[in-house]
């Protein structure tokens, strides 16, 4: 079984968990403790929201302000443009920010939402058949 656990440092665990729940993540109580909340996108993709203190446990470094540095961004595929728009709207209603305009390539649409700590998530709809047809021309 292959899975990925993405560890993210956040300032407010509960507030962040509410936003991620609005983005259609669910909470996995097995991996949730007082200093981290496990958010599940799918059976293979987990996001570990961790307090800044817990995130830094065992290191001698601090948490970078990702608003001032380049940081990874993450992309979540969805099954339709409507679903993409629905999830982004729920995230905006929960306090997330849409900091990048819609990318519309015809065969692909991407909307990006940023959480309270600056972590960026692209919600993407990709029409694979249309993409394949354009690529083969």
C-alpha atoms as a PDB file:
ATOM      1  CA  UNK A   1       0.000   0.000   0.000  1.00  0.00           C
ATOM      2  CA  UNK A   2       1.346   3.423  -0.922  1.00  0.00           C
ATOM      3  CA  UNK A   3       0.158   6.456   0.999  1.00  0.00           C
ATOM      4  CA  UNK A   4       1.374   9.985   1.567  1.00  0.00           C
ATOM      5  CA  UNK A   5       1.219  11.972   4.790  1.00  0.00           C
ATOM      6  CA  UNK A   6       1.865  15.686   4.242  1.00  0.00           C
ATOM      7  CA  UNK A   7       2.902  17.505   7.443  1.00  0.00           C
ATOM      8  CA  UNK A   8       1.875  21.174   7.611  1.00  0.00           C
ATOM      9  CA  UNK A   9       2.676  23.626  10.371  1.00  0.00           C
ATOM     10  CA  UNK A  10      -0.352  25.706  11.383  1.00  0.00           C
ATOM     11  CA  UNK A  11      -0.962  28.418  13.949  1.00  0.00           C
ATOM     12  CA  UNK A  12      -4.487  27.360  14.975  1.00  0.00           C
ATOM     13  CA  UNK A  13      -5.304  23.647  14.731  1.00  0.00           C
ATOM     14  CA  UNK A  14      -9.066  23.910  15.235  1.00  0.00           C
ATOM     15  CA  UNK A  15      -9.551  26.823  12.854  1.00  0.00           C
ATOM     16  CA  UNK A  16      -7.421  25.089  10.216  1.00  0.00           C
ATOM     17  CA  UNK A  17      -9.321  21.806  10.643  1.00  0.00           C
ATOM     18  CA  UNK A  18     -12.596  23.658  10.062  1.00  0.00           C
ATOM     19  CA  UNK A  19     -11.250  25.084   6.800  1.00  0.00           C
ATOM     20  CA  UNK A  20      -9.932  21.721   5.609  1.00  0.00           C
ATOM     21  CA  UNK A  21     -13.264  20.111   6.490  1.00  0.00           C
ATOM     22  CA  UNK A  22     -14.956  22.763   4.315  1.00  0.00           C
ATOM     23  CA  UNK A  23     -12.560  21.732   1.517  1.00  0.00           C
ATOM     24  CA  UNK A  24     -14.012  18.187   1.801  1.00  0.00           C
ATOM     25  CA  UNK A  25     -11.264  16.639   3.910  1.00  0.00           C
ATOM     26  CA  UNK A  26     -12.409  14.452   6.804  1.00  0.00           C
ATOM     27  CA  UNK A  27     -10.783  13.979  10.198  1.00  0.00           C
ATOM     28  CA  UNK A  28      -9.090  10.667  10.971  1.00  0.00           C
ATOM     29  CA  UNK A  29      -9.275  10.345  14.747  1.00  0.00           C
ATOM     30  CA  UNK A  30      -6.731   7.499  14.849  1.00  0.00           C
ATOM     31  CA  UNK A  31      -3.893   9.886  13.937  1.00  0.00           C
ATOM     32  CA  UNK A  32      -5.317  12.946  15.721  1.00  0.00           C
ATOM     33  CA  UNK A  33      -3.854  14.157  19.019  1.00  0.00           C
ATOM     34  CA  UNK A  34      -3.805  17.397  21.006  1.00  0.00           C
ATOM     35  CA  UNK A  35      -0.991  18.809  18.843  1.00  0.00           C
ATOM     36  CA  UNK A  36      -1.982  17.472  15.404  1.00  0.00           C
ATOM     37  CA  UNK A  37      -5.124  16.749  13.426  1.00  0.00           C
ATOM     38  CA  UNK A  38      -5.088  14.208  10.631  1.00  0.00           C
ATOM     39  CA  UNK A  39      -7.132  15.346   7.624  1.00  0.00           C
ATOM     40  CA  UNK A  40      -8.010  12.785   4.942  1.00  0.00           C
ATOM     41  CA  UNK A  41      -8.528  13.585   1.248  1.00  0.00           C
ATOM     42  CA  UNK A  42      -8.640   9.949   0.105  1.00  0.00           C
ATOM     43  CA  UNK A  43      -7.572   6.538   1.359  1.00  0.00           C
ATOM     44  CA  UNK A  44      -4.029   7.358   0.210  1.00  0.00           C
ATOM     45  CA  UNK A  45      -3.684  11.102   0.907  1.00  0.00           C
ATOM     46  CA  UNK A  46      -3.446  12.469   4.444  1.00  0.00           C
ATOM     47  CA  UNK A  47      -2.600  15.971   5.640  1.00  0.00           C
ATOM     48  CA  UNK A  48      -1.235  16.253   9.146  1.00  0.00           C
ATOM     49  CA  UNK A  49      -2.064  19.690  10.522  1.00  0.00           C
ATOM     50  CA  UNK A  50       0.504  20.200  13.270  1.00  0.00           C
ATOM     51  CA  UNK A  51       0.995  22.933  15.841  1.00  0.00           C
ATOM     52  CA  UNK A  52       4.128  24.966  15.165  1.00  0.00           C
ATOM     53  CA  UNK A  53       5.695  23.570  18.333  1.00  0.00           C
ATOM     54  CA  UNK A  54       4.989  19.949  17.374  1.00  0.00           C
ATOM     55  CA  UNK A  55       6.091  20.522  13.775  1.00  0.00           C
ATOM     56  CA  UNK A  56       9.476  21.723  15.082  1.00  0.00           C
ATOM     57  CA  UNK A  57       9.957  18.924  17.630  1.00  0.00           C
ATOM     58  CA  UNK A  58      13.402  17.425  17.183  1.00  0.00           C
ATOM     59  CA  UNK A  59      14.745  20.221  15.000  1.00  0.00           C
ATOM     60  CA  UNK A  60      16.801  23.283  15.750  1.00  0.00           C
ATOM     61  CA  UNK A  61      15.101  25.361  13.087  1.00  0.00           C
ATOM     62  CA  UNK A  62      12.046  27.560  13.118  1.00  0.00           C
ATOM     63  CA  UNK A  63       8.987  27.552  10.913  1.00  0.00           C
ATOM     64  CA  UNK A  64       9.432  29.776   7.879  1.00  0.00           C
ATOM     65  CA  UNK A  65       6.815  32.364   7.097  1.00  0.00           C
ATOM     66  CA  UNK A  66       5.748  30.900   3.765  1.00  0.00           C
ATOM     67  CA  UNK A  67       4.299  34.258   2.785  1.00  0.00           C
ATOM     68  CA  UNK A  68       7.900  35.455   2.397  1.00  0.00           C
ATOM     69  CA  UNK A  69       9.467  32.307   0.899  1.00  0.00           C
ATOM     70  CA  UNK A  70       8.677  29.885  -1.877  1.00  0.00           C
ATOM     71  CA  UNK A  71       6.849  26.844  -0.573  1.00  0.00           C
ATOM     72  CA  UNK A  72       5.357  23.708  -2.071  1.00  0.00           C
ATOM     73  CA  UNK A  73       1.833  23.867  -3.379  1.00  0.00           C
ATOM     74  CA  UNK A  74      -0.478  20.896  -3.628  1.00  0.00           C
ATOM     75  CA  UNK A  75      -3.039  19.916  -6.263  1.00  0.00           C
ATOM     76  CA  UNK A  76      -6.224  17.961  -5.672  1.00  0.00           C
ATOM     77  CA  UNK A  77      -8.036  16.525  -8.715  1.00  0.00           C
ATOM     78  CA  UNK A  78     -11.835  16.580  -8.760  1.00  0.00           C
ATOM     79  CA  UNK A  79     -14.373  14.999 -11.087  1.00  0.00           C
ATOM     80  CA  UNK A  80     -15.978  18.134 -12.571  1.00  0.00           C
ATOM     81  CA  UNK A  81     -15.748  21.905 -12.901  1.00  0.00           C
ATOM     82  CA  UNK A  82     -18.907  22.168 -10.808  1.00  0.00           C
ATOM     83  CA  UNK A  83     -17.307  20.126  -8.017  1.00  0.00           C
ATOM     84  CA  UNK A  84     -14.160  22.270  -8.181  1.00  0.00           C
ATOM     85  CA  UNK A  85     -16.220  25.449  -7.866  1.00  0.00           C
ATOM     86  CA  UNK A  86     -18.316  23.997  -5.035  1.00  0.00           C
ATOM     87  CA  UNK A  87     -15.271  23.010  -2.962  1.00  0.00           C
ATOM     88  CA  UNK A  88     -13.509  26.343  -3.528  1.00  0.00           C
ATOM     89  CA  UNK A  89     -16.663  28.265  -2.578  1.00  0.00           C
ATOM     90  CA  UNK A  90     -17.003  26.265   0.643  1.00  0.00           C
ATOM     91  CA  UNK A  91     -13.335  26.979   1.399  1.00  0.00           C
ATOM     92  CA  UNK A  92     -13.837  30.697   0.773  1.00  0.00           C
ATOM     93  CA  UNK A  93     -16.900  30.692   3.025  1.00  0.00           C
ATOM     94  CA  UNK A  94     -14.751  29.093   5.757  1.00  0.00           C
ATOM     95  CA  UNK A  95     -12.124  31.863   5.523  1.00  0.00           C
ATOM     96  CA  UNK A  96      -9.711  30.610   2.879  1.00  0.00           C
ATOM     97  CA  UNK A  97      -8.398  33.019   0.225  1.00  0.00           C
ATOM     98  CA  UNK A  98      -8.330  32.677  -3.540  1.00  0.00           C
ATOM     99  CA  UNK A  99      -5.017  34.378  -4.261  1.00  0.00           C
ATOM    100  CA  UNK A 100      -4.545  33.205  -7.857  1.00  0.00           C
ATOM    101  CA  UNK A 101      -7.042  33.780 -10.661  1.00  0.00           C
ATOM    102  CA  UNK A 102      -8.735  30.831 -12.351  1.00  0.00           C
ATOM    103  CA  UNK A 103      -6.526  29.046 -14.874  1.00  0.00           C
ATOM    104  CA  UNK A 104      -8.625  27.863 -17.813  1.00  0.00           C
ATOM    105  CA  UNK A 105      -6.834  25.907 -20.531  1.00  0.00           C
ATOM    106  CA  UNK A 106     -10.063  24.515 -21.986  1.00  0.00           C
ATOM    107  CA  UNK A 107      -9.219  20.885 -21.173  1.00  0.00           C
ATOM    108  CA  UNK A 108      -8.152  21.903 -17.656  1.00  0.00           C
ATOM    109  CA  UNK A 109      -9.403  24.371 -15.072  1.00  0.00           C
ATOM    110  CA  UNK A 110      -7.574  25.151 -11.822  1.00  0.00           C
ATOM    111  CA  UNK A 111      -8.624  27.277  -8.884  1.00  0.00           C
ATOM    112  CA  UNK A 112      -6.220  27.868  -6.003  1.00  0.00           C
ATOM    113  CA  UNK A 113      -7.185  28.399  -2.393  1.00  0.00           C
ATOM    114  CA  UNK A 114      -4.833  29.404   0.401  1.00  0.00           C
ATOM    115  CA  UNK A 115      -5.323  28.386   4.025  1.00  0.00           C
ATOM    116  CA  UNK A 116      -4.766  30.624   7.070  1.00  0.00           C
ATOM    117  CA  UNK A 117      -1.054  29.809   7.159  1.00  0.00           C
ATOM    118  CA  UNK A 118      -0.338  30.380   3.459  1.00  0.00           C
ATOM    119  CA  UNK A 119      -0.449  26.742   2.282  1.00  0.00           C
ATOM    120  CA  UNK A 120      -1.765  26.698  -1.297  1.00  0.00           C
ATOM    121  CA  UNK A 121      -4.089  24.049  -2.693  1.00  0.00           C
ATOM    122  CA  UNK A 122      -5.021  23.849  -6.348  1.00  0.00           C
ATOM    123  CA  UNK A 123      -8.364  22.262  -7.113  1.00  0.00           C
ATOM    124  CA  UNK A 124      -8.134  20.928 -10.653  1.00  0.00           C
ATOM    125  CA  UNK A 125     -10.541  19.505 -13.158  1.00  0.00           C
ATOM    126  CA  UNK A 126      -8.812  17.819 -16.095  1.00  0.00           C
ATOM    127  CA  UNK A 127     -10.684  16.384 -19.067  1.00  0.00           C
ATOM    128  CA  UNK A 128      -8.146  13.654 -19.847  1.00  0.00           C
ATOM    129  CA  UNK A 129      -9.666  12.739 -23.215  1.00  0.00           C
ATOM    130  CA  UNK A 130      -9.634  16.358 -24.405  1.00  0.00           C
ATOM    131  CA  UNK A 131      -6.059  16.706 -23.134  1.00  0.00           C
ATOM    132  CA  UNK A 132      -5.019  13.503 -24.933  1.00  0.00           C
ATOM    133  CA  UNK A 133      -6.632  14.721 -28.197  1.00  0.00           C
ATOM    134  CA  UNK A 134      -4.875  18.108 -28.010  1.00  0.00           C
ATOM    135  CA  UNK A 135      -1.535  16.480 -27.188  1.00  0.00           C
ATOM    136  CA  UNK A 136      -1.758  14.069 -30.128  1.00  0.00           C
ATOM    137  CA  UNK A 137      -2.455  16.808 -32.700  1.00  0.00           C
END
